[in-house]
Each structure stands twice: as C-alpha cells, then as structure tokens.
Amino acid sequence: MTRYSTLVFWVGLTIAALLAVIAGFMMIGSPNHVRKQELDRIRSSELAAISGAVSTYRSTHAALPAELSDLSRGTTLDIALKDPEGRPYGYAVRGPYTYELCADFSLSSEIEPKDRPPQLIFTRHPAGYYCFQLEARPRAHA
C-alpha cells in the first residue's frame, strides 16, 4: 500500500469508529443517562421491597408502621431506607390502611400499559419527587 492509501484507510477507520460510538449513544443513551436509568431502577426495586415489608408489618401488627425505621426493629430485615444517592425515601400514613411511599427519580419512566402487574407499579413515575398512593389491607378470612 502507498502512503496515501494507508492514510485514507486509517482516516476511514477512525470515522467509522466515531460513527459507531455516536450510533451507540443514540441507541442506549449517554453513560450519564444510563446511570440515571439504573439508579431509578434500583429506587423502584427498593420501593417494591419496602411496600412488601409494610404489608407484612400491617398483617403482623394490625397497624401500619409509624415510620419506615419501624420495619427493621426486632427483625433481621435489611430494607433500604435511603436511595442509592443517600436521599431518604418518603413515607406517610394516610389512613388505617393507606400510605404513601415517595422517591426522587432522576428520569421520567417510559409509559407502560395500564394493565401492568401490581409489583411493577413503582416503574411508572415522572422525573422528580413522586409519591405512590398504596394500601395494606388485612387479609380476608375465608
């Protein structure tokens, strides 16, 4: 190969590599965007775990916990009370069976079908601080 054809080859290869990187960012997002998506996924998963713990607490104590820290008292439960960035999750009792769980999400989630399974409720949220309205009713006796 001549010196000119070698230069054209390397310039073409460099351009192709740059285009591949740009296409990758367009398809999956920037590293910062992907990081925010992962943090929101963790938040959703931890809120689901907290919700399950609240339901268990309600069924064993006949009342909702007054605060989230009550969930781990006297048990070996390892429930995250803060999000991956160290911000505490919000919790408020609204009635004998109703409560709110809140988190500060980095991104708005994708719109999901209305008939999504109940455990996926935490995957649908706007960006920013958002509260989910939840219930923990006692089990019906058969």
Protein backbone atom coordinates (compact mmCIF):
# COMPACT_ATOMS: atom_id res chain seq x y z
CA MET A 1 0.00 0.00 0.00
CA THR A 2 1.07 3.51 -0.68
CA ARG A 3 1.42 6.12 1.99
CA TYR A 4 -1.73 7.89 0.69
CA SER A 5 -3.88 4.72 0.72
CA THR A 6 -2.69 3.92 4.26
CA LEU A 7 -3.72 7.40 5.40
CA VAL A 8 -7.13 7.05 3.72
CA PHE A 9 -7.60 3.65 5.35
CA TRP A 10 -6.86 4.98 8.88
CA VAL A 11 -8.99 8.11 8.40
CA GLY A 12 -11.89 5.93 7.15
CA LEU A 13 -11.47 3.54 10.07
CA THR A 14 -11.44 6.44 12.55
CA ILE A 15 -14.60 7.93 11.02
CA ALA A 16 -16.33 4.53 11.14
CA ALA A 17 -15.40 4.10 14.80
CA LEU A 18 -16.70 7.57 15.67
CA LEU A 19 -19.96 6.88 13.84
CA ALA A 20 -20.33 3.59 15.74
CA VAL A 21 -19.83 5.38 19.08
CA ILE A 22 -22.36 8.08 18.12
CA ALA A 23 -24.88 5.44 17.00
CA GLY A 24 -24.39 3.60 20.31
CA PHE A 25 -25.10 6.75 22.31
CA MET A 26 -28.19 7.40 20.20
CA MET A 27 -29.48 3.87 20.81
CA ILE A 28 -28.80 3.43 24.53
CA GLY A 29 -28.08 6.96 25.71
CA SER A 30 -25.06 8.60 27.20
CA PRO A 31 -23.27 6.97 30.14
CA ASN A 32 -24.86 9.59 32.43
CA HIS A 33 -28.35 8.77 31.10
CA VAL A 34 -27.77 5.02 31.53
CA ARG A 35 -26.54 5.65 35.09
CA LYS A 36 -29.70 7.63 35.90
CA GLN A 37 -31.85 4.82 34.47
CA GLU A 38 -30.05 2.28 36.67
CA LEU A 39 -30.46 4.42 39.80
CA ASP A 40 -34.19 4.78 39.08
CA ARG A 41 -34.44 1.01 38.54
CA ILE A 42 -32.84 0.48 41.96
CA ARG A 43 -35.23 3.01 43.53
CA SER A 44 -38.23 1.20 42.02
CA SER A 45 -36.95 -2.16 43.27
CA GLU A 46 -36.30 -0.83 46.78
CA LEU A 47 -39.75 0.80 46.94
CA ALA A 48 -41.29 -2.56 46.00
CA ALA A 49 -39.34 -4.22 48.84
CA ILE A 50 -40.45 -1.51 51.28
CA SER A 51 -44.07 -1.91 50.18
CA GLY A 52 -43.86 -5.66 50.79
CA ALA A 53 -42.36 -5.06 54.23
CA VAL A 54 -45.13 -2.56 55.07
CA SER A 55 -47.77 -5.15 54.10
CA THR A 56 -46.06 -7.78 56.25
CA TYR A 57 -45.80 -5.35 59.16
CA ARG A 58 -49.51 -4.45 58.77
CA SER A 59 -50.54 -8.10 58.87
CA THR A 60 -48.46 -8.92 61.95
CA HIS A 61 -49.01 -5.71 63.96
CA ALA A 62 -52.60 -4.85 62.93
CA ALA A 63 -51.42 -1.33 62.06
CA LEU A 64 -49.17 0.43 59.59
CA PRO A 65 -45.70 1.34 60.83
CA ALA A 66 -45.49 4.90 62.10
CA GLU A 67 -42.21 5.38 60.22
CA LEU A 68 -40.05 3.32 57.87
CA SER A 69 -37.44 2.61 60.53
CA ASP A 70 -40.11 0.57 62.38
CA LEU A 71 -39.85 -2.05 59.62
CA SER A 72 -36.43 -3.26 60.75
CA ARG A 73 -36.93 -3.07 64.52
CA GLY A 74 -36.88 -6.51 66.10
CA THR A 75 -36.22 -8.28 62.77
CA THR A 76 -33.32 -9.14 60.55
CA LEU A 77 -34.89 -7.40 57.56
CA ASP A 78 -32.41 -5.38 55.56
CA ILE A 79 -34.64 -2.73 54.00
CA ALA A 80 -33.04 0.26 52.26
CA LEU A 81 -34.42 3.42 53.83
CA LYS A 82 -32.34 5.69 51.58
CA ASP A 83 -31.99 5.70 47.82
CA PRO A 84 -28.68 4.87 46.08
CA GLU A 85 -27.66 8.54 46.29
CA GLY A 86 -28.30 8.73 50.05
CA ARG A 87 -31.66 10.55 49.98
CA PRO A 88 -34.24 9.09 52.40
CA TYR A 89 -37.36 7.57 50.93
CA GLY A 90 -40.55 9.37 51.89
CA TYR A 91 -43.27 7.62 53.85
CA ALA A 92 -46.52 8.89 55.30
CA VAL A 93 -49.52 7.10 56.80
CA ARG A 94 -52.73 8.50 55.27
CA GLY A 95 -55.33 6.26 56.89
CA PRO A 96 -55.72 2.94 58.71
CA TYR A 97 -54.85 1.03 55.51
CA THR A 98 -53.40 3.70 53.22
CA TYR A 99 -49.94 5.17 52.98
CA GLU A 100 -47.56 6.91 50.60
CA LEU A 101 -44.09 5.87 49.51
CA CYS A 102 -42.03 8.58 47.84
CA ALA A 103 -38.73 8.84 45.99
CA ASP A 104 -36.84 11.41 43.98
CA PHE A 105 -36.48 9.95 40.47
CA SER A 106 -33.85 11.15 38.02
CA LEU A 107 -35.85 10.46 34.86
CA SER A 108 -39.42 10.03 33.78
CA SER A 109 -40.17 6.39 33.09
CA GLU A 110 -41.48 5.06 29.83
CA ILE A 111 -45.24 4.92 29.52
CA GLU A 112 -46.43 1.43 30.34
CA PRO A 113 -49.72 -0.32 29.67
CA LYS A 114 -52.46 0.30 32.23
CA ASP A 115 -52.80 -3.46 32.88
CA ARG A 116 -49.26 -3.87 34.23
CA PRO A 117 -48.77 -6.31 37.13
CA PRO A 118 -49.13 -4.67 40.59
CA GLN A 119 -45.50 -5.28 41.54
CA LEU A 120 -44.45 -3.05 38.63
CA ILE A 121 -46.36 0.00 39.91
CA PHE A 122 -43.08 1.58 41.00
CA THR A 123 -41.66 1.50 37.47
CA ARG A 124 -44.07 4.18 36.25
CA HIS A 125 -43.22 7.65 37.52
CA PRO A 126 -42.37 11.18 36.43
CA ALA A 127 -38.96 12.75 36.95
CA GLY A 128 -38.51 14.43 40.33
CA TYR A 129 -40.07 13.74 43.70
CA TYR A 130 -43.07 11.43 43.33
CA CYS A 131 -45.32 9.65 45.82
CA PHE A 132 -47.18 6.39 45.22
CA GLN A 133 -50.56 6.03 46.95
CA LEU A 134 -50.73 2.50 48.40
CA GLU A 135 -52.86 0.24 50.56
CA ALA A 136 -52.07 -2.54 53.01
CA ARG A 137 -55.38 -4.13 53.95
CA PRO A 138 -55.73 -7.09 56.29
CA ARG A 139 -56.29 -10.42 54.61
CA ALA A 140 -59.89 -11.51 54.30
CA HIS A 141 -60.68 -14.55 56.43
CA ALA A 142 -62.23 -17.41 54.48
